[in-house]
All heavy atoms as atom14 arrays in JSON, in Angstrom:
{
  "sequence": "ESGGGLVQAGGSLRLSCTASGSIFRNNNMAWYRQAPGKQRELVAVS",
  "atom14_mask": [
    [1, 1, 1, 1, 1, 1, 1, 1, 1, 0, 0, 0, 0, 0],
    [1, 1, 1, 1, 1, 1, 0, 0, 0, 0, 0, 0, 0, 0],
    [1, 1, 1, 1, 0, 0, 0, 0, 0, 0, 0, 0, 0, 0],
    [1, 1, 1, 1, 0, 0, 0, 0, 0, 0, 0, 0, 0, 0],
    [1, 1, 1, 1, 0, 0, 0, 0, 0, 0, 0, 0, 0, 0],
    [1, 1, 1, 1, 1, 1, 1, 1, 0, 0, 0, 0, 0, 0],
    [1, 1, 1, 1, 1, 1, 1, 0, 0, 0, 0, 0, 0, 0],
    [1, 1, 1, 1, 1, 1, 1, 1, 1, 0, 0, 0, 0, 0],
    [1, 1, 1, 1, 1, 0, 0, 0, 0, 0, 0, 0, 0, 0],
    [1, 1, 1, 1, 0, 0, 0, 0, 0, 0, 0, 0, 0, 0],
    [1, 1, 1, 1, 0, 0, 0, 0, 0, 0, 0, 0, 0, 0],
    [1, 1, 1, 1, 1, 1, 0, 0, 0, 0, 0, 0, 0, 0],
    [1, 1, 1, 1, 1, 1, 1, 1, 0, 0, 0, 0, 0, 0],
    [1, 1, 1, 1, 1, 1, 1, 1, 1, 1, 1, 0, 0, 0],
    [1, 1, 1, 1, 1, 1, 1, 1, 0, 0, 0, 0, 0, 0],
    [1, 1, 1, 1, 1, 1, 0, 0, 0, 0, 0, 0, 0, 0],
    [1, 1, 1, 1, 1, 1, 0, 0, 0, 0, 0, 0, 0, 0],
    [1, 1, 1, 1, 1, 1, 1, 0, 0, 0, 0, 0, 0, 0],
    [1, 1, 1, 1, 1, 0, 0, 0, 0, 0, 0, 0, 0, 0],
    [1, 1, 1, 1, 1, 1, 0, 0, 0, 0, 0, 0, 0, 0],
    [1, 1, 1, 1, 0, 0, 0, 0, 0, 0, 0, 0, 0, 0],
    [1, 1, 1, 1, 1, 1, 0, 0, 0, 0, 0, 0, 0, 0],
    [1, 1, 1, 1, 1, 1, 1, 1, 0, 0, 0, 0, 0, 0],
    [1, 1, 1, 1, 1, 1, 1, 1, 1, 1, 1, 0, 0, 0],
    [1, 1, 1, 1, 1, 1, 1, 1, 1, 1, 1, 0, 0, 0],
    [1, 1, 1, 1, 1, 1, 1, 1, 0, 0, 0, 0, 0, 0],
    [1, 1, 1, 1, 1, 1, 1, 1, 0, 0, 0, 0, 0, 0],
    [1, 1, 1, 1, 1, 1, 1, 1, 0, 0, 0, 0, 0, 0],
    [1, 1, 1, 1, 1, 1, 1, 1, 0, 0, 0, 0, 0, 0],
    [1, 1, 1, 1, 1, 0, 0, 0, 0, 0, 0, 0, 0, 0],
    [1, 1, 1, 1, 1, 1, 1, 1, 1, 1, 1, 1, 1, 1],
    [1, 1, 1, 1, 1, 1, 1, 1, 1, 1, 1, 1, 0, 0],
    [1, 1, 1, 1, 1, 1, 1, 1, 1, 1, 1, 0, 0, 0],
    [1, 1, 1, 1, 1, 1, 1, 1, 1, 0, 0, 0, 0, 0],
    [1, 1, 1, 1, 1, 0, 0, 0, 0, 0, 0, 0, 0, 0],
    [1, 1, 1, 1, 1, 1, 1, 0, 0, 0, 0, 0, 0, 0],
    [1, 1, 1, 1, 0, 0, 0, 0, 0, 0, 0, 0, 0, 0],
    [1, 1, 1, 1, 1, 1, 1, 1, 1, 0, 0, 0, 0, 0],
    [1, 1, 1, 1, 1, 1, 1, 1, 1, 0, 0, 0, 0, 0],
    [1, 1, 1, 1, 1, 1, 1, 1, 1, 1, 1, 0, 0, 0],
    [1, 1, 1, 1, 1, 1, 1, 1, 1, 0, 0, 0, 0, 0],
    [1, 1, 1, 1, 1, 1, 1, 1, 0, 0, 0, 0, 0, 0],
    [1, 1, 1, 1, 1, 1, 1, 0, 0, 0, 0, 0, 0, 0],
    [1, 1, 1, 1, 1, 0, 0, 0, 0, 0, 0, 0, 0, 0],
    [1, 1, 1, 1, 1, 1, 1, 0, 0, 0, 0, 0, 0, 0],
    [1, 1, 1, 1, 1, 1, 0, 0, 0, 0, 0, 0, 0, 0]
  ],
  "atom14_positions": [
    [[0.27, -34.19, -1.45], [1.33, -34.62, -0.45], [2.06, -35.82, -1.1], [1.45, -36.66, -1.75], [0.7, -35.03, 0.88], [-0.04, -33.88, 1.51], [-1.55, -33.84, 1.25], [-1.97, -34.58, 0.3], [-2.29, -33.15, 1.99], [0.0, 0.0, 0.0], [0.0, 0.0, 0.0], [0.0, 0.0, 0.0], [0.0, 0.0, 0.0], [0.0, 0.0, 0.0]],
    [[3.36, -35.94, -0.75], [4.11, -37.08, -1.16], [5.28, -37.31, -0.21], [5.57, -36.45, 0.6], [4.65, -36.93, -2.58], [5.54, -35.77, -2.65], [0.0, 0.0, 0.0], [0.0, 0.0, 0.0], [0.0, 0.0, 0.0], [0.0, 0.0, 0.0], [0.0, 0.0, 0.0], [0.0, 0.0, 0.0], [0.0, 0.0, 0.0], [0.0, 0.0, 0.0]],
    [[5.96, -38.48, -0.35], [7.16, -38.72, 0.37], [7.01, -39.67, 1.53], [7.99, -40.04, 2.19], [0.0, 0.0, 0.0], [0.0, 0.0, 0.0], [0.0, 0.0, 0.0], [0.0, 0.0, 0.0], [0.0, 0.0, 0.0], [0.0, 0.0, 0.0], [0.0, 0.0, 0.0], [0.0, 0.0, 0.0], [0.0, 0.0, 0.0], [0.0, 0.0, 0.0]],
    [[5.82, -40.13, 1.78], [5.57, -41.09, 2.83], [6.16, -42.48, 2.48], [6.66, -42.72, 1.36], [0.0, 0.0, 0.0], [0.0, 0.0, 0.0], [0.0, 0.0, 0.0], [0.0, 0.0, 0.0], [0.0, 0.0, 0.0], [0.0, 0.0, 0.0], [0.0, 0.0, 0.0], [0.0, 0.0, 0.0], [0.0, 0.0, 0.0], [0.0, 0.0, 0.0]],
    [[6.09, -43.34, 3.39], [6.53, -44.75, 3.21], [6.72, -45.5, 4.49], [6.24, -45.09, 5.56], [0.0, 0.0, 0.0], [0.0, 0.0, 0.0], [0.0, 0.0, 0.0], [0.0, 0.0, 0.0], [0.0, 0.0, 0.0], [0.0, 0.0, 0.0], [0.0, 0.0, 0.0], [0.0, 0.0, 0.0], [0.0, 0.0, 0.0], [0.0, 0.0, 0.0]],
    [[7.35, -46.64, 4.35], [7.6, -47.5, 5.52], [9.04, -47.39, 5.9], [9.97, -47.47, 5.09], [7.32, -48.97, 5.13], [7.71, -50.05, 6.15], [6.85, -49.83, 7.4], [7.54, -51.41, 5.54], [0.0, 0.0, 0.0], [0.0, 0.0, 0.0], [0.0, 0.0, 0.0], [0.0, 0.0, 0.0], [0.0, 0.0, 0.0], [0.0, 0.0, 0.0]],
    [[9.32, -47.11, 7.16], [10.62, -46.91, 7.71], [10.76, -47.53, 9.09], [9.73, -47.6, 9.85], [10.94, -45.38, 7.73], [10.03, -44.61, 8.73], [12.44, -45.12, 8.03], [0.0, 0.0, 0.0], [0.0, 0.0, 0.0], [0.0, 0.0, 0.0], [0.0, 0.0, 0.0], [0.0, 0.0, 0.0], [0.0, 0.0, 0.0], [0.0, 0.0, 0.0]],
    [[11.91, -47.87, 9.44], [12.1, -48.46, 10.79], [12.29, -47.28, 11.8], [12.65, -46.18, 11.43], [13.38, -49.31, 10.71], [13.27, -50.62, 10.08], [14.47, -51.52, 10.22], [15.55, -51.03, 10.4], [14.24, -52.86, 10.23], [0.0, 0.0, 0.0], [0.0, 0.0, 0.0], [0.0, 0.0, 0.0], [0.0, 0.0, 0.0], [0.0, 0.0, 0.0]],
    [[11.96, -47.65, 12.97], [12.15, -46.68, 14.12], [13.57, -46.13, 14.08], [14.51, -46.87, 13.89], [11.8, -47.32, 15.43], [0.0, 0.0, 0.0], [0.0, 0.0, 0.0], [0.0, 0.0, 0.0], [0.0, 0.0, 0.0], [0.0, 0.0, 0.0], [0.0, 0.0, 0.0], [0.0, 0.0, 0.0], [0.0, 0.0, 0.0], [0.0, 0.0, 0.0]],
    [[13.66, -44.83, 14.24], [15.02, -44.19, 14.21], [15.3, -43.62, 12.84], [16.29, -42.88, 12.73], [0.0, 0.0, 0.0], [0.0, 0.0, 0.0], [0.0, 0.0, 0.0], [0.0, 0.0, 0.0], [0.0, 0.0, 0.0], [0.0, 0.0, 0.0], [0.0, 0.0, 0.0], [0.0, 0.0, 0.0], [0.0, 0.0, 0.0], [0.0, 0.0, 0.0]],
    [[14.6, -43.97, 11.85], [14.81, -43.55, 10.52], [14.28, -42.15, 10.24], [13.73, -41.5, 11.08], [0.0, 0.0, 0.0], [0.0, 0.0, 0.0], [0.0, 0.0, 0.0], [0.0, 0.0, 0.0], [0.0, 0.0, 0.0], [0.0, 0.0, 0.0], [0.0, 0.0, 0.0], [0.0, 0.0, 0.0], [0.0, 0.0, 0.0], [0.0, 0.0, 0.0]],
    [[14.36, -41.72, 8.96], [13.98, -40.41, 8.52], [13.13, -40.48, 7.25], [13.28, -41.38, 6.42], [15.19, -39.52, 8.29], [15.98, -39.38, 9.43], [0.0, 0.0, 0.0], [0.0, 0.0, 0.0], [0.0, 0.0, 0.0], [0.0, 0.0, 0.0], [0.0, 0.0, 0.0], [0.0, 0.0, 0.0], [0.0, 0.0, 0.0], [0.0, 0.0, 0.0]],
    [[12.32, -39.49, 7.11], [11.51, -39.33, 5.86], [11.41, -37.78, 5.67], [11.38, -36.99, 6.6], [10.14, -39.93, 5.94], [10.04, -41.45, 5.82], [8.55, -41.88, 6.09], [10.48, -41.95, 4.45], [0.0, 0.0, 0.0], [0.0, 0.0, 0.0], [0.0, 0.0, 0.0], [0.0, 0.0, 0.0], [0.0, 0.0, 0.0], [0.0, 0.0, 0.0]],
    [[11.31, -37.42, 4.4], [11.01, -36.0, 4.06], [9.7, -35.97, 3.28], [9.66, -36.55, 2.11], [12.15, -35.43, 3.27], [12.04, -33.92, 3.04], [13.01, -33.43, 1.98], [13.12, -32.01, 2.0], [13.48, -31.29, 0.93], [13.77, -31.93, -0.24], [13.61, -29.99, 0.92], [0.0, 0.0, 0.0], [0.0, 0.0, 0.0], [0.0, 0.0, 0.0]],
    [[8.72, -35.36, 3.79], [7.44, -35.18, 3.1], [7.41, -33.88, 2.35], [8.02, -32.88, 2.76], [6.32, -35.18, 4.12], [6.26, -36.37, 5.08], [4.98, -36.23, 5.93], [6.27, -37.67, 4.33], [0.0, 0.0, 0.0], [0.0, 0.0, 0.0], [0.0, 0.0, 0.0], [0.0, 0.0, 0.0], [0.0, 0.0, 0.0], [0.0, 0.0, 0.0]],
    [[6.75, -33.89, 1.19], [6.55, -32.68, 0.35], [5.06, -32.46, 0.15], [4.32, -33.41, 0.05], [7.29, -32.88, -0.9], [8.67, -33.07, -0.79], [0.0, 0.0, 0.0], [0.0, 0.0, 0.0], [0.0, 0.0, 0.0], [0.0, 0.0, 0.0], [0.0, 0.0, 0.0], [0.0, 0.0, 0.0], [0.0, 0.0, 0.0], [0.0, 0.0, 0.0]],
    [[4.74, -31.21, 0.01], [3.36, -30.86, -0.32], [3.36, -29.68, -1.25], [3.91, -28.61, -0.97], [2.58, -30.54, 0.91], [0.96, -29.81, 0.57], [0.0, 0.0, 0.0], [0.0, 0.0, 0.0], [0.0, 0.0, 0.0], [0.0, 0.0, 0.0], [0.0, 0.0, 0.0], [0.0, 0.0, 0.0], [0.0, 0.0, 0.0], [0.0, 0.0, 0.0]],
    [[2.81, -29.89, -2.43], [2.64, -28.81, -3.39], [1.27, -28.29, -3.35], [0.31, -29.04, -3.48], [2.98, -29.26, -4.84], [4.35, -29.74, -4.83], [2.91, -28.11, -5.76], [0.0, 0.0, 0.0], [0.0, 0.0, 0.0], [0.0, 0.0, 0.0], [0.0, 0.0, 0.0], [0.0, 0.0, 0.0], [0.0, 0.0, 0.0], [0.0, 0.0, 0.0]],
    [[1.15, -26.96, -3.16], [-0.15, -26.37, -3.02], [-0.47, -25.42, -4.12], [0.49, -24.86, -4.73], [-0.24, -25.63, -1.62], [0.0, 0.0, 0.0], [0.0, 0.0, 0.0], [0.0, 0.0, 0.0], [0.0, 0.0, 0.0], [0.0, 0.0, 0.0], [0.0, 0.0, 0.0], [0.0, 0.0, 0.0], [0.0, 0.0, 0.0], [0.0, 0.0, 0.0]],
    [[-1.72, -25.15, -4.4], [-2.1, -24.18, -5.33], [-1.64, -22.8, -4.81], [-1.58, -22.54, -3.66], [-3.58, -24.22, -5.66], [-4.35, -24.04, -4.44], [0.0, 0.0, 0.0], [0.0, 0.0, 0.0], [0.0, 0.0, 0.0], [0.0, 0.0, 0.0], [0.0, 0.0, 0.0], [0.0, 0.0, 0.0], [0.0, 0.0, 0.0], [0.0, 0.0, 0.0]],
    [[-1.39, -21.86, -5.78], [-0.82, -20.63, -5.46], [-1.62, -19.81, -4.46], [-1.09, -19.16, -3.56], [0.0, 0.0, 0.0], [0.0, 0.0, 0.0], [0.0, 0.0, 0.0], [0.0, 0.0, 0.0], [0.0, 0.0, 0.0], [0.0, 0.0, 0.0], [0.0, 0.0, 0.0], [0.0, 0.0, 0.0], [0.0, 0.0, 0.0], [0.0, 0.0, 0.0]],
    [[-2.93, -19.8, -4.59], [-3.71, -18.95, -3.71], [-3.65, -19.38, -2.25], [-3.4, -18.51, -1.38], [-5.22, -19.0, -4.17], [-5.65, -20.3, -4.08], [0.0, 0.0, 0.0], [0.0, 0.0, 0.0], [0.0, 0.0, 0.0], [0.0, 0.0, 0.0], [0.0, 0.0, 0.0], [0.0, 0.0, 0.0], [0.0, 0.0, 0.0], [0.0, 0.0, 0.0]],
    [[-3.74, -20.62, -2.0], [-3.7, -21.04, -0.58], [-2.3, -20.89, -0.03], [-2.1, -20.56, 1.11], [-4.21, -22.51, -0.41], [-4.35, -22.88, 1.03], [-3.32, -23.51, -1.1], [-5.0, -24.23, 1.3], [0.0, 0.0, 0.0], [0.0, 0.0, 0.0], [0.0, 0.0, 0.0], [0.0, 0.0, 0.0], [0.0, 0.0, 0.0], [0.0, 0.0, 0.0]],
    [[-1.31, -21.13, -0.86], [0.07, -21.04, -0.39], [0.48, -19.58, -0.08], [1.13, -19.3, 0.9], [1.01, -21.66, -1.43], [2.41, -21.97, -0.92], [2.66, -23.16, -0.31], [3.4, -21.07, -1.11], [3.91, -23.45, 0.13], [4.69, -21.28, -0.65], [4.95, -22.49, -0.01], [0.0, 0.0, 0.0], [0.0, 0.0, 0.0], [0.0, 0.0, 0.0]],
    [[0.05, -18.7, -0.96], [0.54, -17.3, -0.83], [-0.11, -16.59, 0.35], [0.52, -15.77, 0.95], [0.22, -16.5, -2.11], [1.1, -16.72, -3.26], [0.85, -15.65, -4.38], [-0.58, -15.65, -4.76], [-0.96, -16.42, -5.76], [-0.16, -17.22, -6.4], [-2.24, -16.32, -6.17], [0.0, 0.0, 0.0], [0.0, 0.0, 0.0], [0.0, 0.0, 0.0]],
    [[-1.36, -16.99, 0.59], [-2.15, -16.19, 1.55], [-2.22, -16.75, 2.94], [-2.91, -16.19, 3.77], [-3.57, -16.04, 1.04], [-3.63, -15.34, -0.28], [-2.82, -14.47, -0.57], [-4.53, -15.72, -1.16], [0.0, 0.0, 0.0], [0.0, 0.0, 0.0], [0.0, 0.0, 0.0], [0.0, 0.0, 0.0], [0.0, 0.0, 0.0], [0.0, 0.0, 0.0]],
    [[-1.48, -17.84, 3.19], [-1.59, -18.48, 4.49], [-0.34, -19.04, 5.02], [0.61, -19.37, 4.25], [-2.57, -19.69, 4.4], [-3.98, -19.28, 4.03], [-4.73, -18.85, 4.96], [-4.37, -19.43, 2.82], [0.0, 0.0, 0.0], [0.0, 0.0, 0.0], [0.0, 0.0, 0.0], [0.0, 0.0, 0.0], [0.0, 0.0, 0.0], [0.0, 0.0, 0.0]],
    [[-0.25, -19.11, 6.32], [0.79, -19.96, 6.88], [0.41, -21.42, 6.6], [-0.81, -21.76, 6.8], [0.84, -19.79, 8.47], [1.4, -18.42, 8.83], [2.22, -17.86, 8.11], [1.02, -17.87, 9.96], [0.0, 0.0, 0.0], [0.0, 0.0, 0.0], [0.0, 0.0, 0.0], [0.0, 0.0, 0.0], [0.0, 0.0, 0.0], [0.0, 0.0, 0.0]],
    [[1.38, -22.18, 6.24], [1.06, -23.59, 5.93], [1.41, -24.47, 7.09], [2.22, -24.13, 7.91], [1.81, -24.03, 4.68], [1.42, -23.29, 3.38], [-0.31, -23.54, 2.99], [-0.36, -25.26, 2.51], [0.0, 0.0, 0.0], [0.0, 0.0, 0.0], [0.0, 0.0, 0.0], [0.0, 0.0, 0.0], [0.0, 0.0, 0.0], [0.0, 0.0, 0.0]],
    [[0.78, -25.65, 7.12], [0.96, -26.52, 8.26], [0.86, -27.95, 7.77], [0.3, -28.27, 6.74], [-0.15, -26.28, 9.3], [0.0, 0.0, 0.0], [0.0, 0.0, 0.0], [0.0, 0.0, 0.0], [0.0, 0.0, 0.0], [0.0, 0.0, 0.0], [0.0, 0.0, 0.0], [0.0, 0.0, 0.0], [0.0, 0.0, 0.0], [0.0, 0.0, 0.0]],
    [[1.47, -28.83, 8.64], [1.31, -30.27, 8.48], [0.45, -30.82, 9.66], [0.56, -30.37, 10.75], [2.68, -30.94, 8.46], [3.4, -30.84, 7.22], [4.36, -29.9, 6.93], [3.3, -31.68, 6.06], [4.86, -30.11, 5.65], [4.22, -31.16, 5.09], [2.51, -32.76, 5.76], [4.36, -31.78, 3.81], [2.67, -33.36, 4.53], [3.6, -32.83, 3.58]],
    [[-0.46, -31.73, 9.28], [-1.29, -32.45, 10.18], [-1.1, -33.91, 10.0], [-0.55, -34.37, 9.02], [-2.82, -32.08, 9.87], [-3.13, -30.6, 9.86], [-2.83, -29.8, 8.77], [-3.8, -30.03, 10.95], [-3.15, -28.46, 8.74], [-4.08, -28.66, 10.94], [-3.8, -27.89, 9.87], [-4.08, -26.56, 9.82], [0.0, 0.0, 0.0], [0.0, 0.0, 0.0]],
    [[-1.6, -34.7, 10.93], [-1.54, -36.13, 10.8], [-2.77, -36.77, 11.48], [-3.33, -36.15, 12.44], [-0.32, -36.74, 11.36], [-0.13, -36.63, 12.86], [1.25, -37.21, 13.25], [1.41, -37.14, 14.69], [2.55, -37.4, 15.32], [3.65, -37.73, 14.63], [2.69, -37.37, 16.65], [0.0, 0.0, 0.0], [0.0, 0.0, 0.0], [0.0, 0.0, 0.0]],
    [[-3.16, -37.89, 10.96], [-4.27, -38.58, 11.55], [-3.9, -40.06, 11.6], [-3.69, -40.76, 10.6], [-5.56, -38.38, 10.7], [-6.78, -39.04, 11.37], [-8.11, -38.59, 10.7], [-8.06, -38.12, 9.61], [-9.17, -38.71, 11.45], [0.0, 0.0, 0.0], [0.0, 0.0, 0.0], [0.0, 0.0, 0.0], [0.0, 0.0, 0.0], [0.0, 0.0, 0.0]],
    [[-3.83, -40.54, 12.85], [-3.56, -42.0, 13.13], [-4.85, -42.74, 13.11], [-5.94, -42.2, 13.37], [-2.81, -42.15, 14.43], [0.0, 0.0, 0.0], [0.0, 0.0, 0.0], [0.0, 0.0, 0.0], [0.0, 0.0, 0.0], [0.0, 0.0, 0.0], [0.0, 0.0, 0.0], [0.0, 0.0, 0.0], [0.0, 0.0, 0.0], [0.0, 0.0, 0.0]],
    [[-4.82, -44.07, 12.87], [-6.02, -44.82, 12.88], [-6.74, -44.7, 14.18], [-6.22, -44.86, 15.26], [-5.49, -46.29, 12.71], [-4.2, -46.11, 12.0], [-3.6, -44.84, 12.5], [0.0, 0.0, 0.0], [0.0, 0.0, 0.0], [0.0, 0.0, 0.0], [0.0, 0.0, 0.0], [0.0, 0.0, 0.0], [0.0, 0.0, 0.0], [0.0, 0.0, 0.0]],
    [[-8.12, -44.43, 14.11], [-8.94, -44.31, 15.21], [-8.76, -43.02, 16.04], [-9.32, -42.85, 17.13], [0.0, 0.0, 0.0], [0.0, 0.0, 0.0], [0.0, 0.0, 0.0], [0.0, 0.0, 0.0], [0.0, 0.0, 0.0], [0.0, 0.0, 0.0], [0.0, 0.0, 0.0], [0.0, 0.0, 0.0], [0.0, 0.0, 0.0], [0.0, 0.0, 0.0]],
    [[-7.97, -42.08, 15.5], [-7.74, -40.88, 16.26], [-8.12, -39.65, 15.43], [-8.27, -39.76, 14.21], [-6.25, -40.74, 16.65], [-5.77, -41.8, 17.68], [-4.42, -41.47, 18.1], [-3.98, -42.49, 19.21], [-2.54, -42.23, 19.64], [0.0, 0.0, 0.0], [0.0, 0.0, 0.0], [0.0, 0.0, 0.0], [0.0, 0.0, 0.0], [0.0, 0.0, 0.0]],
    [[-8.26, -38.52, 16.1], [-8.63, -37.32, 15.37], [-7.38, -36.73, 14.66], [-6.23, -37.0, 15.09], [-9.21, -36.28, 16.31], [-10.58, -36.59, 16.79], [-11.23, -35.46, 17.56], [-10.53, -34.61, 18.19], [-12.55, -35.41, 17.59], [0.0, 0.0, 0.0], [0.0, 0.0, 0.0], [0.0, 0.0, 0.0], [0.0, 0.0, 0.0], [0.0, 0.0, 0.0]],
    [[-7.57, -35.93, 13.65], [-6.49, -35.28, 13.02], [-5.86, -34.29, 13.97], [-6.6, -33.6, 14.68], [-6.99, -34.54, 11.74], [-5.92, -33.95, 10.88], [-6.53, -33.37, 9.63], [-7.08, -34.35, 8.76], [-8.05, -34.2, 7.92], [-8.67, -33.06, 7.84], [-8.49, -35.17, 7.1], [0.0, 0.0, 0.0], [0.0, 0.0, 0.0], [0.0, 0.0, 0.0]],
    [[-4.54, -34.26, 13.98], [-3.86, -33.32, 14.87], [-2.89, -32.48, 14.16], [-2.34, -32.9, 13.1], [-3.17, -34.08, 16.0], [-2.07, -34.97, 15.54], [-1.23, -35.58, 16.67], [-1.27, -35.08, 17.8], [-0.49, -36.56, 16.4], [0.0, 0.0, 0.0], [0.0, 0.0, 0.0], [0.0, 0.0, 0.0], [0.0, 0.0, 0.0], [0.0, 0.0, 0.0]],
    [[-2.63, -31.29, 14.68], [-1.66, -30.39, 14.09], [-0.24, -30.78, 14.47], [-0.03, -31.01, 15.67], [-1.92, -28.93, 14.58], [-1.04, -27.89, 14.15], [-1.17, -27.63, 12.61], [-1.36, -26.52, 14.82], [0.0, 0.0, 0.0], [0.0, 0.0, 0.0], [0.0, 0.0, 0.0], [0.0, 0.0, 0.0], [0.0, 0.0, 0.0], [0.0, 0.0, 0.0]],
    [[0.66, -30.87, 13.5], [1.99, -31.34, 13.8], [2.98, -30.14, 13.75], [3.8, -30.02, 14.67], [2.42, -32.35, 12.72], [3.91, -32.74, 12.92], [1.53, -33.59, 12.83], [0.0, 0.0, 0.0], [0.0, 0.0, 0.0], [0.0, 0.0, 0.0], [0.0, 0.0, 0.0], [0.0, 0.0, 0.0], [0.0, 0.0, 0.0], [0.0, 0.0, 0.0]],
    [[2.9, -29.3, 12.75], [3.83, -28.21, 12.55], [3.2, -27.04, 11.75], [2.46, -27.34, 10.88], [5.13, -28.76, 11.91], [0.0, 0.0, 0.0], [0.0, 0.0, 0.0], [0.0, 0.0, 0.0], [0.0, 0.0, 0.0], [0.0, 0.0, 0.0], [0.0, 0.0, 0.0], [0.0, 0.0, 0.0], [0.0, 0.0, 0.0], [0.0, 0.0, 0.0]],
    [[3.67, -25.89, 12.08], [3.2, -24.73, 11.36], [4.37, -23.91, 10.84], [5.31, -23.6, 11.66], [2.28, -23.77, 12.27], [1.78, -22.62, 11.52], [1.24, -24.59, 12.83], [0.0, 0.0, 0.0], [0.0, 0.0, 0.0], [0.0, 0.0, 0.0], [0.0, 0.0, 0.0], [0.0, 0.0, 0.0], [0.0, 0.0, 0.0], [0.0, 0.0, 0.0]],
    [[4.29, -23.49, 9.63], [5.36, -22.61, 9.06], [4.88, -21.19, 9.01], [4.08, -20.87, 8.15], [5.71, -23.1, 7.61], [6.63, -22.25, 7.05], [0.0, 0.0, 0.0], [0.0, 0.0, 0.0], [0.0, 0.0, 0.0], [0.0, 0.0, 0.0], [0.0, 0.0, 0.0], [0.0, 0.0, 0.0], [0.0, 0.0, 0.0], [0.0, 0.0, 0.0]]
  ]
}
């Protein structure tokens, strides 16, 4: 994963994730996030 950073509220970022072929070809891919002190949560599914 890459593309993260520090941004002000209202701003934008574009994250990228390069995956190995096997996992990418055979699955729907998704983004998750984990905030401090919280469980990992599903954000988006392609």
